[in-house]
């Protein structure tokens, strides 16, 4: 397991240099619930590595139980 800034594709003849091309998107409202982000090396299983986001359950519950307010 490596930090979230690690490449998600290793360098090779068909893809070029190592790059961070795989990602996960979240709304601004969900960001307070993000506890950890990592890249799992999938060498031998895939040409892409897996991006994992771990969320804080209590924070996520709090966010999801309160409706979003929209600016007028």
PDB file of N, CA and C in Angstrom:
ATOM      1  N   UNK A   1       0.841  -1.173   0.000  1.00  0.00           N
ATOM      2  CA  UNK A   1       0.000   0.000   0.000  1.00  0.00           C
ATOM      3  C   UNK A   1       0.889   1.240   0.000  1.00  0.00           C
ATOM      4  N   UNK A   2       0.486   2.207  -0.773  1.00  0.00           N
ATOM      5  CA  UNK A   2       1.282   3.417  -0.926  1.00  0.00           C
ATOM      6  C   UNK A   2       0.414   4.659  -0.759  1.00  0.00           C
ATOM      7  N   UNK A   3       1.027   5.804  -0.578  1.00  0.00           N
ATOM      8  CA  UNK A   3       0.240   7.040  -0.418  1.00  0.00           C
ATOM      9  C   UNK A   3      -0.616   7.343  -1.636  1.00  0.00           C
ATOM     10  N   UNK A   4      -1.607   8.186  -1.452  1.00  0.00           N
ATOM     11  CA  UNK A   4      -2.545   8.526  -2.508  1.00  0.00           C
ATOM     12  C   UNK A   4      -1.899   9.271  -3.657  1.00  0.00           C
ATOM     13  N   UNK A   5      -0.722   9.828  -3.480  1.00  0.00           N
ATOM     14  CA  UNK A   5      -0.060  10.546  -4.569  1.00  0.00           C
ATOM     15  C   UNK A   5       0.776   9.614  -5.442  1.00  0.00           C
ATOM     16  N   UNK A   6       0.758   8.333  -5.156  1.00  0.00           N
ATOM     17  CA  UNK A   6       1.523   7.357  -5.934  1.00  0.00           C
ATOM     18  C   UNK A   6       0.907   7.172  -7.315  1.00  0.00           C
ATOM     19  N   UNK A   7       1.724   6.829  -8.304  1.00  0.00           N
ATOM     20  CA  UNK A   7       1.175   6.540  -9.639  1.00  0.00           C
ATOM     21  C   UNK A   7       0.184   5.379  -9.569  1.00  0.00           C
ATOM     22  N   UNK A   8      -0.850   5.440 -10.409  1.00  0.00           N
ATOM     23  CA  UNK A   8      -1.820   4.343 -10.464  1.00  0.00           C
ATOM     24  C   UNK A   8      -1.601   3.475 -11.693  1.00  0.00           C
ATOM     25  N   UNK A   9      -0.661   3.869 -12.553  1.00  0.00           N
ATOM     26  CA  UNK A   9      -0.241   3.059 -13.697  1.00  0.00           C
ATOM     27  C   UNK A   9       1.276   3.125 -13.743  1.00  0.00           C
ATOM     28  N   UNK A  10       1.938   1.963 -13.778  1.00  0.00           N
ATOM     29  CA  UNK A  10       3.394   1.929 -13.861  1.00  0.00           C
ATOM     30  C   UNK A  10       3.851   2.218 -15.282  1.00  0.00           C
ATOM     31  N   UNK A  11       5.079   2.650 -15.421  1.00  0.00           N
ATOM     32  CA  UNK A  11       5.659   2.923 -16.733  1.00  0.00           C
ATOM     33  C   UNK A  11       5.742   1.631 -17.548  1.00  0.00           C
ATOM     34  N   UNK A  12       5.421   1.736 -18.842  1.00  0.00           N
ATOM     35  CA  UNK A  12       5.567   0.603 -19.752  1.00  0.00           C
ATOM     36  C   UNK A  12       5.575   1.130 -21.191  1.00  0.00           C
ATOM     37  N   UNK A  13       5.931   0.277 -22.133  1.00  0.00           N
ATOM     38  CA  UNK A  13       6.019   0.680 -23.538  1.00  0.00           C
ATOM     39  C   UNK A  13       4.685   1.159 -24.100  1.00  0.00           C
ATOM     40  N   UNK A  14       3.578   0.555 -23.684  1.00  0.00           N
ATOM     41  CA  UNK A  14       2.270   0.910 -24.255  1.00  0.00           C
ATOM     42  C   UNK A  14       1.595   2.093 -23.570  1.00  0.00           C
ATOM     43  N   UNK A  15       1.956   2.384 -22.289  1.00  0.00           N
ATOM     44  CA  UNK A  15       1.303   3.467 -21.545  1.00  0.00           C
ATOM     45  C   UNK A  15       2.205   4.674 -21.314  1.00  0.00           C
ATOM     46  N   UNK A  16       3.490   4.537 -21.556  1.00  0.00           N
ATOM     47  CA  UNK A  16       4.412   5.639 -21.295  1.00  0.00           C
ATOM     48  C   UNK A  16       4.883   5.631 -19.855  1.00  0.00           C
ATOM     49  N   UNK A  17       5.240   6.818 -19.336  1.00  0.00           N
ATOM     50  CA  UNK A  17       5.778   6.883 -17.965  1.00  0.00           C
ATOM     51  C   UNK A  17       4.700   6.619 -16.909  1.00  0.00           C
ATOM     52  N   UNK A  18       5.157   6.348 -15.698  1.00  0.00           N
ATOM     53  CA  UNK A  18       4.225   6.176 -14.582  1.00  0.00           C
ATOM     54  C   UNK A  18       3.347   7.410 -14.470  1.00  0.00           C
ATOM     55  N   UNK A  19       2.080   7.213 -14.132  1.00  0.00           N
ATOM     56  CA  UNK A  19       1.154   8.338 -14.061  1.00  0.00           C
ATOM     57  C   UNK A  19       0.066   8.080 -13.032  1.00  0.00           C
ATOM     58  N   UNK A  20      -0.536   9.183 -12.540  1.00  0.00           N
ATOM     59  CA  UNK A  20      -1.692   9.109 -11.644  1.00  0.00           C
ATOM     60  C   UNK A  20      -2.924   9.395 -12.499  1.00  0.00           C
ATOM     61  N   UNK A  21      -3.537   8.354 -13.052  1.00  0.00           N
ATOM     62  CA  UNK A  21      -4.691   8.565 -13.930  1.00  0.00           C
ATOM     63  C   UNK A  21      -6.002   8.079 -13.319  1.00  0.00           C
ATOM     64  N   UNK A  22      -5.927   7.192 -12.358  1.00  0.00           N
ATOM     65  CA  UNK A  22      -7.136   6.694 -11.702  1.00  0.00           C
ATOM     66  C   UNK A  22      -7.410   7.573 -10.492  1.00  0.00           C
ATOM     67  N   UNK A  23      -8.676   7.903 -10.273  1.00  0.00           N
ATOM     68  CA  UNK A  23      -9.019   8.807  -9.175  1.00  0.00           C
ATOM     69  C   UNK A  23     -10.433   8.563  -8.693  1.00  0.00           C
ATOM     70  N   UNK A  24     -10.745   9.168  -7.577  1.00  0.00           N
ATOM     71  CA  UNK A  24     -12.087   9.099  -6.995  1.00  0.00           C
ATOM     72  C   UNK A  24     -12.554  10.530  -6.779  1.00  0.00           C
ATOM     73  N   UNK A  25     -13.799  10.792  -7.124  1.00  0.00           N
ATOM     74  CA  UNK A  25     -14.374  12.127  -6.947  1.00  0.00           C
ATOM     75  C   UNK A  25     -15.360  12.111  -5.786  1.00  0.00           C
ATOM     76  N   UNK A  26     -15.383  13.214  -5.048  1.00  0.00           N
ATOM     77  CA  UNK A  26     -16.348  13.372  -3.958  1.00  0.00           C
ATOM     78  C   UNK A  26     -16.772  14.828  -3.916  1.00  0.00           C
ATOM     79  N   UNK A  27     -17.981  15.051  -3.460  1.00  0.00           N
ATOM     80  CA  UNK A  27     -18.469  16.419  -3.325  1.00  0.00           C
ATOM     81  C   UNK A  27     -17.775  17.096  -2.141  1.00  0.00           C
ATOM     82  N   UNK A  28     -17.810  18.427  -2.108  1.00  0.00           N
ATOM     83  CA  UNK A  28     -17.231  19.175  -0.990  1.00  0.00           C
ATOM     84  C   UNK A  28     -17.894  18.779   0.324  1.00  0.00           C
ATOM     85  N   UNK A  29     -19.177  18.445   0.263  1.00  0.00           N
ATOM     86  CA  UNK A  29     -19.898  18.077   1.481  1.00  0.00           C
ATOM     87  C   UNK A  29     -19.352  16.787   2.097  1.00  0.00           C
ATOM     88  N   UNK A  30     -18.837  15.879   1.278  1.00  0.00           N
ATOM     89  CA  UNK A  30     -18.334  14.601   1.797  1.00  0.00           C
ATOM     90  C   UNK A  30     -16.878  14.655   2.261  1.00  0.00           C
ATOM     91  N   UNK A  31     -16.147  15.676   1.874  1.00  0.00           N
ATOM     92  CA  UNK A  31     -14.721  15.734   2.203  1.00  0.00           C
ATOM     93  C   UNK A  31     -14.418  15.625   3.703  1.00  0.00           C
ATOM     94  N   UNK A  32     -15.218  16.207   4.595  1.00  0.00           N
ATOM     95  CA  UNK A  32     -14.904  16.058   6.023  1.00  0.00           C
ATOM     96  C   UNK A  32     -14.937  14.603   6.508  1.00  0.00           C
ATOM     97  N   UNK A  33     -15.593  13.730   5.790  1.00  0.00           N
ATOM     98  CA  UNK A  33     -15.684  12.326   6.196  1.00  0.00           C
ATOM     99  C   UNK A  33     -14.501  11.489   5.704  1.00  0.00           C
ATOM    100  N   UNK A  34     -13.688  12.027   4.804  1.00  0.00           N
ATOM    101  CA  UNK A  34     -12.550  11.263   4.272  1.00  0.00           C
ATOM    102  C   UNK A  34     -11.496  11.131   5.356  1.00  0.00           C
ATOM    103  N   UNK A  35     -11.192   9.883   5.677  1.00  0.00           N
ATOM    104  CA  UNK A  35     -10.214   9.596   6.730  1.00  0.00           C
ATOM    105  C   UNK A  35      -8.848   9.255   6.140  1.00  0.00           C
ATOM    106  N   UNK A  36      -8.833   8.529   5.000  1.00  0.00           N
ATOM    107  CA  UNK A  36      -7.569   8.070   4.425  1.00  0.00           C
ATOM    108  C   UNK A  36      -7.777   7.767   2.939  1.00  0.00           C
ATOM    109  N   UNK A  37      -6.746   8.022   2.161  1.00  0.00           N
ATOM    110  CA  UNK A  37      -6.744   7.664   0.741  1.00  0.00           C
ATOM    111  C   UNK A  37      -5.418   6.967   0.467  1.00  0.00           C
ATOM    112  N   UNK A  38      -5.472   5.858  -0.243  1.00  0.00           N
ATOM    113  CA  UNK A  38      -4.242   5.132  -0.569  1.00  0.00           C
ATOM    114  C   UNK A  38      -4.357   4.475  -1.937  1.00  0.00           C
ATOM    115  N   UNK A  39      -3.204   4.114  -2.474  1.00  0.00           N
ATOM    116  CA  UNK A  39      -3.142   3.386  -3.734  1.00  0.00           C
ATOM    117  C   UNK A  39      -2.572   2.006  -3.426  1.00  0.00           C
ATOM    118  N   UNK A  40      -3.296   0.962  -3.811  1.00  0.00           N
ATOM    119  CA  UNK A  40      -2.876  -0.421  -3.565  1.00  0.00           C
ATOM    120  C   UNK A  40      -2.225  -0.960  -4.838  1.00  0.00           C
ATOM    121  N   UNK A  41      -0.990  -1.394  -4.720  1.00  0.00           N
ATOM    122  CA  UNK A  41      -0.234  -1.923  -5.857  1.00  0.00           C
ATOM    123  C   UNK A  41      -0.874  -3.231  -6.335  1.00  0.00           C
ATOM    124  N   UNK A  42      -1.276  -3.260  -7.586  1.00  0.00           N
ATOM    125  CA  UNK A  42      -1.938  -4.443  -8.156  1.00  0.00           C
ATOM    126  C   UNK A  42      -1.046  -5.174  -9.157  1.00  0.00           C
ATOM    127  N   UNK A  43       0.262  -4.930  -9.060  1.00  0.00           N
ATOM    128  CA  UNK A  43       1.214  -5.550  -9.984  1.00  0.00           C
ATOM    129  C   UNK A  43       0.989  -7.058 -10.074  1.00  0.00           C
ATOM    130  N   UNK A  44       0.897  -7.565 -11.281  1.00  0.00           N
ATOM    131  CA  UNK A  44       0.647  -8.981 -11.496  1.00  0.00           C
ATOM    132  C   UNK A  44      -0.828  -9.309 -11.646  1.00  0.00           C
ATOM    133  N   UNK A  45      -1.707  -8.403 -11.235  1.00  0.00           N
ATOM    134  CA  UNK A  45      -3.147  -8.615 -11.342  1.00  0.00           C
ATOM    135  C   UNK A  45      -3.792  -7.676 -12.357  1.00  0.00           C
ATOM    136  N   UNK A  46      -3.239  -6.469 -12.489  1.00  0.00           N
ATOM    137  CA  UNK A  46      -3.821  -5.466 -13.378  1.00  0.00           C
ATOM    138  C   UNK A  46      -2.741  -4.477 -13.776  1.00  0.00           C
ATOM    139  N   UNK A  47      -2.959  -3.765 -14.886  1.00  0.00           N
ATOM    140  CA  UNK A  47      -2.010  -2.718 -15.263  1.00  0.00           C
ATOM    141  C   UNK A  47      -2.335  -1.408 -14.545  1.00  0.00           C
ATOM    142  N   UNK A  48      -3.444  -1.353 -13.811  1.00  0.00           N
ATOM    143  CA  UNK A  48      -3.809  -0.206 -12.988  1.00  0.00           C
ATOM    144  C   UNK A  48      -3.796  -0.631 -11.526  1.00  0.00           C
ATOM    145  N   UNK A  49      -3.433   0.301 -10.657  1.00  0.00           N
ATOM    146  CA  UNK A  49      -3.496   0.048  -9.223  1.00  0.00           C
ATOM    147  C   UNK A  49      -4.859   0.513  -8.708  1.00  0.00           C
ATOM    148  N   UNK A  50      -5.241   0.088  -7.537  1.00  0.00           N
ATOM    149  CA  UNK A  50      -6.553   0.409  -6.974  1.00  0.00           C
ATOM    150  C   UNK A  50      -6.455   1.597  -6.027  1.00  0.00           C
ATOM    151  N   UNK A  51      -7.362   2.554  -6.198  1.00  0.00           N
ATOM    152  CA  UNK A  51      -7.438   3.706  -5.300  1.00  0.00           C
ATOM    153  C   UNK A  51      -8.518   3.399  -4.262  1.00  0.00           C
ATOM    154  N   UNK A  52      -8.161   3.516  -2.978  1.00  0.00           N
ATOM    155  CA  UNK A  52      -9.077   3.205  -1.883  1.00  0.00           C
ATOM    156  C   UNK A  52      -9.282   4.457  -1.040  1.00  0.00           C
ATOM    157  N   UNK A  53     -10.531   4.771  -0.749  1.00  0.00           N
ATOM    158  CA  UNK A  53     -10.866   5.880   0.149  1.00  0.00           C
ATOM    159  C   UNK A  53     -11.576   5.294   1.361  1.00  0.00           C
ATOM    160  N   UNK A  54     -11.088   5.626   2.550  1.00  0.00           N
ATOM    161  CA  UNK A  54     -11.747   5.200   3.780  1.00  0.00           C
ATOM    162  C   UNK A  54     -12.444   6.414   4.387  1.00  0.00           C
ATOM    163  N   UNK A  55     -13.707   6.218   4.737  1.00  0.00           N
ATOM    164  CA  UNK A  55     -14.513   7.294   5.303  1.00  0.00           C
ATOM    165  C   UNK A  55     -14.763   7.050   6.786  1.00  0.00           C
ATOM    166  N   UNK A  56     -14.849   8.127   7.535  1.00  0.00           N
ATOM    167  CA  UNK A  56     -15.214   8.045   8.945  1.00  0.00           C
ATOM    168  C   UNK A  56     -16.724   7.849   9.031  1.00  0.00           C
ATOM    169  N   UNK A  57     -17.155   6.752   9.626  1.00  0.00           N
ATOM    170  CA  UNK A  57     -18.576   6.398   9.666  1.00  0.00           C
ATOM    171  C   UNK A  57     -19.417   7.454  10.377  1.00  0.00           C
ATOM    172  N   UNK A  58     -18.953   7.932  11.519  1.00  0.00           N
ATOM    173  CA  UNK A  58     -19.730   8.931  12.259  1.00  0.00           C
ATOM    174  C   UNK A  58     -19.865  10.234  11.463  1.00  0.00           C
ATOM    175  N   UNK A  59     -18.775  10.677  10.853  1.00  0.00           N
ATOM    176  CA  UNK A  59     -18.828  11.897  10.040  1.00  0.00           C
ATOM    177  C   UNK A  59     -19.750  11.714   8.848  1.00  0.00           C
ATOM    178  N   UNK A  60     -19.647  10.576   8.188  1.00  0.00           N
ATOM    179  CA  UNK A  60     -20.495  10.310   7.022  1.00  0.00           C
ATOM    180  C   UNK A  60     -21.965  10.271   7.423  1.00  0.00           C
ATOM    181  N   UNK A  61     -22.264   9.629   8.537  1.00  0.00           N
ATOM    182  CA  UNK A  61     -23.649   9.565   9.029  1.00  0.00           C
ATOM    183  C   UNK A  61     -24.185  10.965   9.304  1.00  0.00           C
ATOM    184  N   UNK A  62     -23.375  11.778   9.939  1.00  0.00           N
ATOM    185  CA  UNK A  62     -23.773  13.158  10.242  1.00  0.00           C
ATOM    186  C   UNK A  62     -24.058  13.938   8.954  1.00  0.00           C
ATOM    187  N   UNK A  63     -23.190  13.799   7.982  1.00  0.00           N
ATOM    188  CA  UNK A  63     -23.363  14.505   6.699  1.00  0.00           C
ATOM    189  C   UNK A  63     -24.631  14.039   5.997  1.00  0.00           C
ATOM    190  N   UNK A  64     -24.845  12.736   5.956  1.00  0.00           N
ATOM    191  CA  UNK A  64     -25.983  12.189   5.208  1.00  0.00           C
ATOM    192  C   UNK A  64     -27.331  12.438   5.898  1.00  0.00           C
ATOM    193  N   UNK A  65     -27.309  12.657   7.192  1.00  0.00           N
ATOM    194  CA  UNK A  65     -28.554  12.901   7.925  1.00  0.00           C
ATOM    195  C   UNK A  65     -28.956  14.369   7.974  1.00  0.00           C
ATOM    196  N   UNK A  66     -28.172  15.234   7.359  1.00  0.00           N
ATOM    197  CA  UNK A  66     -28.512  16.649   7.323  1.00  0.00           C
ATOM    198  C   UNK A  66     -28.659  17.076   5.864  1.00  0.00           C
ATOM    199  N   UNK A  67     -29.826  17.582   5.485  1.00  0.00           N
ATOM    200  CA  UNK A  67     -30.037  17.969   4.091  1.00  0.00           C
ATOM    201  C   UNK A  67     -29.118  19.116   3.703  1.00  0.00           C
ATOM    202  N   UNK A  68     -28.738  19.116   2.434  1.00  0.00           N
ATOM    203  CA  UNK A  68     -27.906  20.183   1.904  1.00  0.00           C
ATOM    204  C   UNK A  68     -28.723  21.466   1.782  1.00  0.00           C
ATOM    205  N   UNK A  69     -28.112  22.556   2.092  1.00  0.00           N
ATOM    206  CA  UNK A  69     -28.790  23.838   1.884  1.00  0.00           C
ATOM    207  C   UNK A  69     -28.240  24.439   0.604  1.00  0.00           C
ATOM    208  N   UNK A  70     -29.126  24.931  -0.217  1.00  0.00           N
ATOM    209  CA  UNK A  70     -28.724  25.520  -1.480  1.00  0.00           C
ATOM    210  C   UNK A  70     -28.764  27.030  -1.382  1.00  0.00           C
ATOM    211  N   UNK A  71     -27.788  27.663  -2.001  1.00  0.00           N
ATOM    212  CA  UNK A  71     -27.780  29.129  -2.050  1.00  0.00           C
ATOM    213  C   UNK A  71     -28.891  29.590  -2.980  1.00  0.00           C
ATOM    214  N   UNK A  72     -29.548  30.667  -2.612  1.00  0.00           N
ATOM    215  CA  UNK A  72     -30.654  31.193  -3.426  1.00  0.00           C
ATOM    216  C   UNK A  72     -30.177  31.810  -4.709  1.00  0.00           C
TER     217      UNK A  72
END
